[in-house]
Structures are given as C-alpha cells and as structure tokens.
Amino acid sequence: MVLRDLQRGVTDTFGKSFGFEIKVGEKTGASEVLENSLAAQLVMAIYLREPWAAVRKVRLFDQDYRRIFNRSITPYKLRLLFLLDRAIQSVRDDFRDELQSSFASIKFTLAHLVAEVVRQSEAGHQLLEIPERWLKNAEEPVYEALVQIAGEVTDLINFHVEQESELDENYDSKVAFKSRSGVLRLQGEVLRDAKRQAARDARKQTTGNSYLFSVSPAP
C-alpha cells in the first residue's frame, strides 16, 4: 500500500511532469520517472545513511523494505532523490578511469557523501527534510547547487583514491566504497574539507559558497 500511495501522491503532486514507477515496464505517462528500485537504493544511501547496503538490491525489498518505504518518504522527497541522482550522473565523466568503469558500485557512496555535505548547512538540512519548500518554485537553483557539490565531492574522491593507491598497491576502491569502514573514512575527509572551505569563506565574508548548500527556499 505504501508504494501505491506514494505513486498516487506523486501523480497528484506533479501530474505528467514526474512519475514513480513501481513495476518494471509500467507506463506512468510522465516525462520524467523514478523507478522504485533506484528510489530504494537512494533512500538507503541518503536518508538511512547506509550506502554500503544500497548495492544489495535483494535486501531492499525484503528485510529492509519497511525501513525504506515508510510514511516519512514523500512525493517531494522522491523528486529530490531524482534530482540528486541526475546531479550525480552529470559528474560521472569527471571520475578517474577505474571509478568510471565501476560507477554502478560507487554511485550510492557519492550520493551519500553529497547529501552529507548538503546537511552541513541549515538550509541543506531543511532541504532534505522539507524539500517542498524549495522544489515548488526553486527546483533549478537546487539542481545547480547539487551539481556543484557533486563536482567538489568527486574531486575529493579522486584525490582520496589516488592517495590510497599510492600507499597500498592492493587498494581496491570498489571494495572500499562498499564497506562501512571505507565509506566512513572517506566521509570524514569529505566533511573536514567542507567545513574547512566553509570556514575560509566565512572569514573572507564571501557569499554564494559553492560547497555548502545555500539556496534560499522559494517565497
């Protein structure tokens, strides 16, 4: 029932501009569609903050189903997940070659890290919890900000993998990004850099910080 209720909610909210597909090959009639298995993976990575579990698709609709699809997931949260996934796809070509070739394995780690950076500002925290305040009338600025943050995080991931590969010839990024310890280690580096850049910009009294999310909600 939760999935059908969500599907109806998405249709009522977005009409034919955005749909939620809950069966493979289902015709929603919408111009943009988020299918439920990808939605489940993104919820696991972003809202449950467990990207290492997002690649285990069988579990998502078994023991993890009730954790993922509950009443806290709204049509606007699904729309935000769709935009965040688009932002992540847009930076795929900026990854190191070995990361591009294994993008399906690491994309949910990237999604998680982008969301963690977004959470570092009050506006970003509110965006993730109450996305309708932004997405009703300010969707494009939100998407552009997510692309910018995804680009910054991608640069940090590339640097992290380069450093780890130099220190350990047996280092395997695919394995590291699917493990809890590997993700948390990388997350620590990403968030330290985000806070450092935010502090630097605050000292310089700059506005429009390209790292932390700073888009104002729509009036």
C-alpha atoms as a PDB file:
ATOM      1  CA  MET A   1       0.000   0.000   0.000  1.00  0.00           C
ATOM      2  CA  VAL A   2       2.803   2.412   0.789  1.00  0.00           C
ATOM      3  CA  LEU A   3       4.196   2.227  -2.748  1.00  0.00           C
ATOM      4  CA  ARG A   4       0.772   2.686  -4.348  1.00  0.00           C
ATOM      5  CA  ASP A   5       0.027   5.586  -2.027  1.00  0.00           C
ATOM      6  CA  LEU A   6       3.359   7.153  -2.948  1.00  0.00           C
ATOM      7  CA  GLN A   7       2.666   6.655  -6.631  1.00  0.00           C
ATOM      8  CA  ARG A   8      -0.724   8.335  -6.330  1.00  0.00           C
ATOM      9  CA  GLY A   9       0.825  11.135  -4.296  1.00  0.00           C
ATOM     10  CA  VAL A  10       3.477  11.739  -6.946  1.00  0.00           C
ATOM     11  CA  THR A  11       0.841  11.854  -9.686  1.00  0.00           C
ATOM     12  CA  ASP A  12      -1.377  14.207  -7.681  1.00  0.00           C
ATOM     13  CA  THR A  13       1.589  16.481  -6.924  1.00  0.00           C
ATOM     14  CA  PHE A  14       3.453  16.538 -10.227  1.00  0.00           C
ATOM     15  CA  GLY A  15       0.907  15.469 -12.833  1.00  0.00           C
ATOM     16  CA  LYS A  16       2.575  14.303 -16.053  1.00  0.00           C
ATOM     17  CA  SER A  17       5.900  16.019 -15.360  1.00  0.00           C
ATOM     18  CA  PHE A  18       7.204  13.378 -12.913  1.00  0.00           C
ATOM     19  CA  GLY A  19       6.160   9.828 -12.131  1.00  0.00           C
ATOM     20  CA  PHE A  20       7.023   6.985  -9.762  1.00  0.00           C
ATOM     21  CA  GLU A  21       7.273   3.533 -11.346  1.00  0.00           C
ATOM     22  CA  ILE A  22       6.657   0.606  -9.008  1.00  0.00           C
ATOM     23  CA  LYS A  23       6.584  -2.214 -11.572  1.00  0.00           C
ATOM     24  CA  VAL A  24       9.151  -2.795 -14.314  1.00  0.00           C
ATOM     25  CA  GLY A  25       7.803  -1.558 -17.627  1.00  0.00           C
ATOM     26  CA  GLU A  26       4.852   0.186 -16.020  1.00  0.00           C
ATOM     27  CA  LYS A  27       3.542   3.129 -18.030  1.00  0.00           C
ATOM     28  CA  THR A  28       3.224   6.220 -15.866  1.00  0.00           C
ATOM     29  CA  GLY A  29       2.724   8.671 -18.721  1.00  0.00           C
ATOM     30  CA  ALA A  30       5.168  11.074 -17.063  1.00  0.00           C
ATOM     31  CA  SER A  31       8.018  12.821 -18.870  1.00  0.00           C
ATOM     32  CA  GLU A  32      10.478  12.020 -16.050  1.00  0.00           C
ATOM     33  CA  VAL A  33      10.294   8.840 -13.991  1.00  0.00           C
ATOM     34  CA  LEU A  34      11.956   7.449 -10.870  1.00  0.00           C
ATOM     35  CA  GLU A  35      11.649   3.683 -10.603  1.00  0.00           C
ATOM     36  CA  ASN A  36      11.203   2.083  -7.220  1.00  0.00           C
ATOM     37  CA  SER A  37      14.398   0.001  -7.020  1.00  0.00           C
ATOM     38  CA  LEU A  38      16.550   3.079  -7.668  1.00  0.00           C
ATOM     39  CA  ALA A  39      14.424   5.035  -5.191  1.00  0.00           C
ATOM     40  CA  ALA A  40      15.011   2.331  -2.563  1.00  0.00           C
ATOM     41  CA  GLN A  41      18.767   2.465  -3.126  1.00  0.00           C
ATOM     42  CA  LEU A  42      18.809   6.252  -2.872  1.00  0.00           C
ATOM     43  CA  VAL A  43      16.707   6.250   0.300  1.00  0.00           C
ATOM     44  CA  MET A  44      19.097   3.727   1.834  1.00  0.00           C
ATOM     45  CA  ALA A  45      22.135   5.824   0.883  1.00  0.00           C
ATOM     46  CA  ILE A  46      20.759   9.290   1.669  1.00  0.00           C
ATOM     47  CA  TYR A  47      18.033   9.074   4.303  1.00  0.00           C
ATOM     48  CA  LEU A  48      19.122   5.907   6.121  1.00  0.00           C
ATOM     49  CA  ARG A  49      22.778   6.872   5.520  1.00  0.00           C
ATOM     50  CA  GLU A  50      23.931   3.340   4.687  1.00  0.00           C
ATOM     51  CA  PRO A  51      25.345   3.473   1.144  1.00  0.00           C
ATOM     52  CA  TRP A  52      27.224   0.204   1.672  1.00  0.00           C
ATOM     53  CA  ALA A  53      23.822  -1.514   1.939  1.00  0.00           C
ATOM     54  CA  ALA A  54      22.315   0.229  -1.097  1.00  0.00           C
ATOM     55  CA  VAL A  55      24.016  -2.111  -3.579  1.00  0.00           C
ATOM     56  CA  ARG A  56      22.336  -5.182  -2.040  1.00  0.00           C
ATOM     57  CA  LYS A  57      19.145  -4.854  -4.056  1.00  0.00           C
ATOM     58  CA  VAL A  58      17.590  -8.126  -2.896  1.00  0.00           C
ATOM     59  CA  ARG A  59      17.602  -6.942   0.734  1.00  0.00           C
ATOM     60  CA  LEU A  60      15.950  -3.643  -0.101  1.00  0.00           C
ATOM     61  CA  PHE A  61      12.600  -5.265  -0.829  1.00  0.00           C
ATOM     62  CA  ASP A  62      12.971  -7.924   1.840  1.00  0.00           C
ATOM     63  CA  GLN A  63      14.205  -7.227   5.370  1.00  0.00           C
ATOM     64  CA  ASP A  64      14.904  -3.525   4.715  1.00  0.00           C
ATOM     65  CA  TYR A  65      11.611  -2.740   2.962  1.00  0.00           C
ATOM     66  CA  ARG A  66       9.784  -1.250   5.963  1.00  0.00           C
ATOM     67  CA  ARG A  67      12.789   0.848   6.904  1.00  0.00           C
ATOM     68  CA  ILE A  68      12.939   2.324   3.408  1.00  0.00           C
ATOM     69  CA  PHE A  69       9.362   2.858   2.292  1.00  0.00           C
ATOM     70  CA  ASN A  70       7.603   4.353   5.288  1.00  0.00           C
ATOM     71  CA  ARG A  71       5.442   7.421   5.803  1.00  0.00           C
ATOM     72  CA  SER A  72       8.478   9.701   6.104  1.00  0.00           C
ATOM     73  CA  ILE A  73       9.116   9.353   2.352  1.00  0.00           C
ATOM     74  CA  THR A  74       7.004  11.883   0.481  1.00  0.00           C
ATOM     75  CA  PRO A  75       6.462  12.747  -3.197  1.00  0.00           C
ATOM     76  CA  TYR A  76       8.755  15.763  -2.834  1.00  0.00           C
ATOM     77  CA  LYS A  77      11.478  13.620  -1.260  1.00  0.00           C
ATOM     78  CA  LEU A  78      11.254  11.287  -4.247  1.00  0.00           C
ATOM     79  CA  ARG A  79      11.593  14.291  -6.542  1.00  0.00           C
ATOM     80  CA  LEU A  80      14.652  15.465  -4.608  1.00  0.00           C
ATOM     81  CA  LEU A  81      16.190  11.987  -4.894  1.00  0.00           C
ATOM     82  CA  PHE A  82      15.582  12.100  -8.644  1.00  0.00           C
ATOM     83  CA  LEU A  83      17.364  15.464  -8.910  1.00  0.00           C
ATOM     84  CA  LEU A  84      20.246  14.277  -6.763  1.00  0.00           C
ATOM     85  CA  ASP A  85      20.665  11.190  -8.931  1.00  0.00           C
ATOM     86  CA  ARG A  86      20.721  13.399 -12.038  1.00  0.00           C
ATOM     87  CA  ALA A  87      23.383  15.589 -10.430  1.00  0.00           C
ATOM     88  CA  ILE A  88      25.495  12.527  -9.666  1.00  0.00           C
ATOM     89  CA  GLN A  89      25.157  11.202 -13.203  1.00  0.00           C
ATOM     90  CA  SER A  90      26.290  14.588 -14.542  1.00  0.00           C
ATOM     91  CA  VAL A  91      29.742  14.266 -12.922  1.00  0.00           C
ATOM     92  CA  ARG A  92      30.388  10.651 -13.909  1.00  0.00           C
ATOM     93  CA  ASP A  93      32.926  11.596 -16.588  1.00  0.00           C
ATOM     94  CA  ASP A  94      34.954  13.577 -14.032  1.00  0.00           C
ATOM     95  CA  PHE A  95      35.952  10.437 -12.136  1.00  0.00           C
ATOM     96  CA  ARG A  96      39.227   8.600 -12.543  1.00  0.00           C
ATOM     97  CA  ASP A  97      39.033   5.889 -15.209  1.00  0.00           C
ATOM     98  CA  GLU A  98      38.813   2.982 -12.780  1.00  0.00           C
ATOM     99  CA  LEU A  99      35.993   4.731 -10.918  1.00  0.00           C
ATOM    100  CA  GLN A 100      34.081   5.438 -14.119  1.00  0.00           C
ATOM    101  CA  SER A 101      34.225   1.754 -15.024  1.00  0.00           C
ATOM    102  CA  SER A 102      32.792   0.783 -11.627  1.00  0.00           C
ATOM    103  CA  PHE A 103      30.381   3.706 -11.323  1.00  0.00           C
ATOM    104  CA  ALA A 104      27.391   1.483 -10.562  1.00  0.00           C
ATOM    105  CA  SER A 105      29.222   0.265  -7.459  1.00  0.00           C
ATOM    106  CA  ILE A 106      30.250   3.679  -6.153  1.00  0.00           C
ATOM    107  CA  LYS A 107      27.386   5.981  -7.165  1.00  0.00           C
ATOM    108  CA  PHE A 108      25.498   5.438  -3.920  1.00  0.00           C
ATOM    109  CA  THR A 109      28.571   6.314  -1.900  1.00  0.00           C
ATOM    110  CA  LEU A 110      28.754   9.532  -3.922  1.00  0.00           C
ATOM    111  CA  ALA A 111      25.032  10.169  -3.325  1.00  0.00           C
ATOM    112  CA  HIS A 112      25.547   9.669   0.405  1.00  0.00           C
ATOM    113  CA  LEU A 113      28.558  11.991   0.535  1.00  0.00           C
ATOM    114  CA  VAL A 114      26.798  14.740  -1.420  1.00  0.00           C
ATOM    115  CA  ALA A 115      23.856  14.514   0.985  1.00  0.00           C
ATOM    116  CA  GLU A 116      26.202  14.644   3.986  1.00  0.00           C
ATOM    117  CA  VAL A 117      27.769  17.839   2.643  1.00  0.00           C
ATOM    118  CA  VAL A 118      24.301  19.279   1.973  1.00  0.00           C
ATOM    119  CA  ARG A 119      23.413  18.578   5.625  1.00  0.00           C
ATOM    120  CA  GLN A 120      26.281  20.774   6.845  1.00  0.00           C
ATOM    121  CA  SER A 121      24.227  23.942   6.336  1.00  0.00           C
ATOM    122  CA  GLU A 122      20.873  24.673   7.942  1.00  0.00           C
ATOM    123  CA  ALA A 123      19.356  25.296   4.517  1.00  0.00           C
ATOM    124  CA  GLY A 124      20.653  21.945   3.302  1.00  0.00           C
ATOM    125  CA  HIS A 125      19.344  20.108   6.353  1.00  0.00           C
ATOM    126  CA  GLN A 126      15.911  21.638   5.790  1.00  0.00           C
ATOM    127  CA  LEU A 127      16.048  20.833   2.070  1.00  0.00           C
ATOM    128  CA  LEU A 128      16.454  17.138   2.818  1.00  0.00           C
ATOM    129  CA  GLU A 129      13.691  17.131   5.419  1.00  0.00           C
ATOM    130  CA  ILE A 130      11.167  19.535   3.833  1.00  0.00           C
ATOM    131  CA  PRO A 131      12.111  19.649   0.117  1.00  0.00           C
ATOM    132  CA  GLU A 132       8.762  21.108  -0.939  1.00  0.00           C
ATOM    133  CA  ARG A 133       9.833  24.478   0.469  1.00  0.00           C
ATOM    134  CA  TRP A 134      12.391  24.630  -2.353  1.00  0.00           C
ATOM    135  CA  LEU A 135      11.088  22.395  -5.104  1.00  0.00           C
ATOM    136  CA  LYS A 136       7.716  24.057  -5.603  1.00  0.00           C
ATOM    137  CA  ASN A 137       9.316  27.155  -7.126  1.00  0.00           C
ATOM    138  CA  ALA A 138      13.134  26.883  -6.974  1.00  0.00           C
ATOM    139  CA  GLU A 139      13.954  23.494  -8.467  1.00  0.00           C
ATOM    140  CA  GLU A 140      16.575  24.679 -10.968  1.00  0.00           C
ATOM    141  CA  PRO A 141      18.774  26.523  -8.413  1.00  0.00           C
ATOM    142  CA  VAL A 142      18.609  23.451  -6.170  1.00  0.00           C
ATOM    143  CA  TYR A 143      19.707  21.181  -9.009  1.00  0.00           C
ATOM    144  CA  GLU A 144      22.564  23.514  -9.958  1.00  0.00           C
ATOM    145  CA  ALA A 145      23.759  23.594  -6.341  1.00  0.00           C
ATOM    146  CA  LEU A 146      23.658  19.794  -6.154  1.00  0.00           C
ATOM    147  CA  VAL A 147      25.716  19.518  -9.349  1.00  0.00           C
ATOM    148  CA  GLN A 148      28.301  21.900  -7.914  1.00  0.00           C
ATOM    149  CA  ILE A 149      28.551  19.979  -4.650  1.00  0.00           C
ATOM    150  CA  ALA A 150      28.751  16.676  -6.536  1.00  0.00           C
ATOM    151  CA  GLY A 151      31.664  18.074  -8.546  1.00  0.00           C
ATOM    152  CA  GLU A 152      33.514  19.118  -5.390  1.00  0.00           C
ATOM    153  CA  VAL A 153      32.973  15.721  -3.776  1.00  0.00           C
ATOM    154  CA  THR A 154      34.089  13.946  -6.951  1.00  0.00           C
ATOM    155  CA  ASP A 155      37.403  15.827  -6.866  1.00  0.00           C
ATOM    156  CA  LEU A 156      37.913  14.750  -3.258  1.00  0.00           C
ATOM    157  CA  ILE A 157      37.099  11.124  -4.064  1.00  0.00           C
ATOM    158  CA  ASN A 158      39.593  11.131  -6.936  1.00  0.00           C
ATOM    159  CA  PHE A 159      42.288  12.537  -4.654  1.00  0.00           C
ATOM    160  CA  HIS A 160      41.444  10.050  -1.897  1.00  0.00           C
ATOM    161  CA  VAL A 161      41.690   7.075  -4.277  1.00  0.00           C
ATOM    162  CA  GLU A 162      44.968   8.367  -5.716  1.00  0.00           C
ATOM    163  CA  GLN A 163      46.470   8.703  -2.232  1.00  0.00           C
ATOM    164  CA  GLU A 164      45.230   5.312  -1.061  1.00  0.00           C
ATOM    165  CA  SER A 165      46.530   3.618  -4.222  1.00  0.00           C
ATOM    166  CA  GLU A 166      49.978   5.115  -3.674  1.00  0.00           C
ATOM    167  CA  LEU A 167      50.055   3.907  -0.067  1.00  0.00           C
ATOM    168  CA  ASP A 168      48.717   0.410  -0.768  1.00  0.00           C
ATOM    169  CA  GLU A 169      49.203  -1.330  -4.097  1.00  0.00           C
ATOM    170  CA  ASN A 170      46.381  -3.744  -3.203  1.00  0.00           C
ATOM    171  CA  TYR A 171      43.868  -0.970  -2.549  1.00  0.00           C
ATOM    172  CA  ASP A 172      40.573  -1.603  -4.361  1.00  0.00           C
ATOM    173  CA  SER A 173      38.168   1.341  -4.433  1.00  0.00           C
ATOM    174  CA  LYS A 174      35.206  -0.881  -5.366  1.00  0.00           C
ATOM    175  CA  VAL A 175      35.710  -2.916  -2.203  1.00  0.00           C
ATOM    176  CA  ALA A 176      36.371   0.147  -0.034  1.00  0.00           C
ATOM    177  CA  PHE A 177      33.279   2.017  -1.216  1.00  0.00           C
ATOM    178  CA  LYS A 178      31.035  -0.949  -0.458  1.00  0.00           C
ATOM    179  CA  SER A 179      32.307  -1.321   3.101  1.00  0.00           C
ATOM    180  CA  ARG A 180      31.089   0.651   6.106  1.00  0.00           C
ATOM    181  CA  SER A 181      34.612   1.417   7.332  1.00  0.00           C
ATOM    182  CA  GLY A 182      35.787   2.531   3.892  1.00  0.00           C
ATOM    183  CA  VAL A 183      32.837   4.875   3.405  1.00  0.00           C
ATOM    184  CA  LEU A 184      33.105   6.384   6.884  1.00  0.00           C
ATOM    185  CA  ARG A 185      36.810   7.035   6.405  1.00  0.00           C
ATOM    186  CA  LEU A 186      36.146   8.835   3.129  1.00  0.00           C
ATOM    187  CA  GLN A 187      33.195  10.674   4.668  1.00  0.00           C
ATOM    188  CA  GLY A 188      35.447  12.046   7.400  1.00  0.00           C
ATOM    189  CA  GLU A 189      37.813  13.505   4.810  1.00  0.00           C
ATOM    190  CA  VAL A 190      34.996  14.990   2.725  1.00  0.00           C
ATOM    191  CA  LEU A 191      33.303  16.657   5.697  1.00  0.00           C
ATOM    192  CA  ARG A 192      36.573  18.037   7.073  1.00  0.00           C
ATOM    193  CA  ASP A 193      37.240  19.645   3.716  1.00  0.00           C
ATOM    194  CA  ALA A 194      33.686  21.011   3.505  1.00  0.00           C
ATOM    195  CA  LYS A 195      33.959  22.602   6.945  1.00  0.00           C
ATOM    196  CA  ARG A 196      37.413  23.979   6.166  1.00  0.00           C
ATOM    197  CA  GLN A 197      36.196  25.617   2.971  1.00  0.00           C
ATOM    198  CA  ALA A 198      33.097  26.972   4.707  1.00  0.00           C
ATOM    199  CA  ALA A 199      35.235  28.489   7.472  1.00  0.00           C
ATOM    200  CA  ARG A 200      37.572  30.024   4.903  1.00  0.00           C
ATOM    201  CA  ASP A 201      34.685  31.588   3.012  1.00  0.00           C
ATOM    202  CA  ALA A 202      33.179  32.882   6.252  1.00  0.00           C
ATOM    203  CA  ARG A 203      36.464  34.614   7.111  1.00  0.00           C
ATOM    204  CA  LYS A 204      36.507  36.198   3.683  1.00  0.00           C
ATOM    205  CA  GLN A 205      32.824  37.087   4.079  1.00  0.00           C
ATOM    206  CA  THR A 206      32.057  35.578   0.702  1.00  0.00           C
ATOM    207  CA  THR A 207      28.545  34.738  -0.421  1.00  0.00           C
ATOM    208  CA  GLY A 208      27.281  32.076  -2.775  1.00  0.00           C
ATOM    209  CA  ASN A 209      29.611  29.459  -1.316  1.00  0.00           C
ATOM    210  CA  SER A 210      29.993  26.734  -3.950  1.00  0.00           C
ATOM    211  CA  TYR A 211      30.475  23.963  -1.402  1.00  0.00           C
ATOM    212  CA  LEU A 212      27.815  24.194   1.301  1.00  0.00           C
ATOM    213  CA  PHE A 213      24.195  24.375   0.190  1.00  0.00           C
ATOM    214  CA  SER A 214      22.980  27.969   0.417  1.00  0.00           C
ATOM    215  CA  VAL A 215      19.945  28.244  -1.872  1.00  0.00           C
ATOM    216  CA  SER A 216      17.093  30.096  -0.189  1.00  0.00           C
ATOM    217  CA  PRO A 217      13.654  28.459  -0.206  1.00  0.00           C
ATOM    218  CA  ALA A 218      11.145  29.804  -2.671  1.00  0.00           C
ATOM    219  CA  PRO A 219       8.874  32.572  -1.332  1.00  0.00           C
END
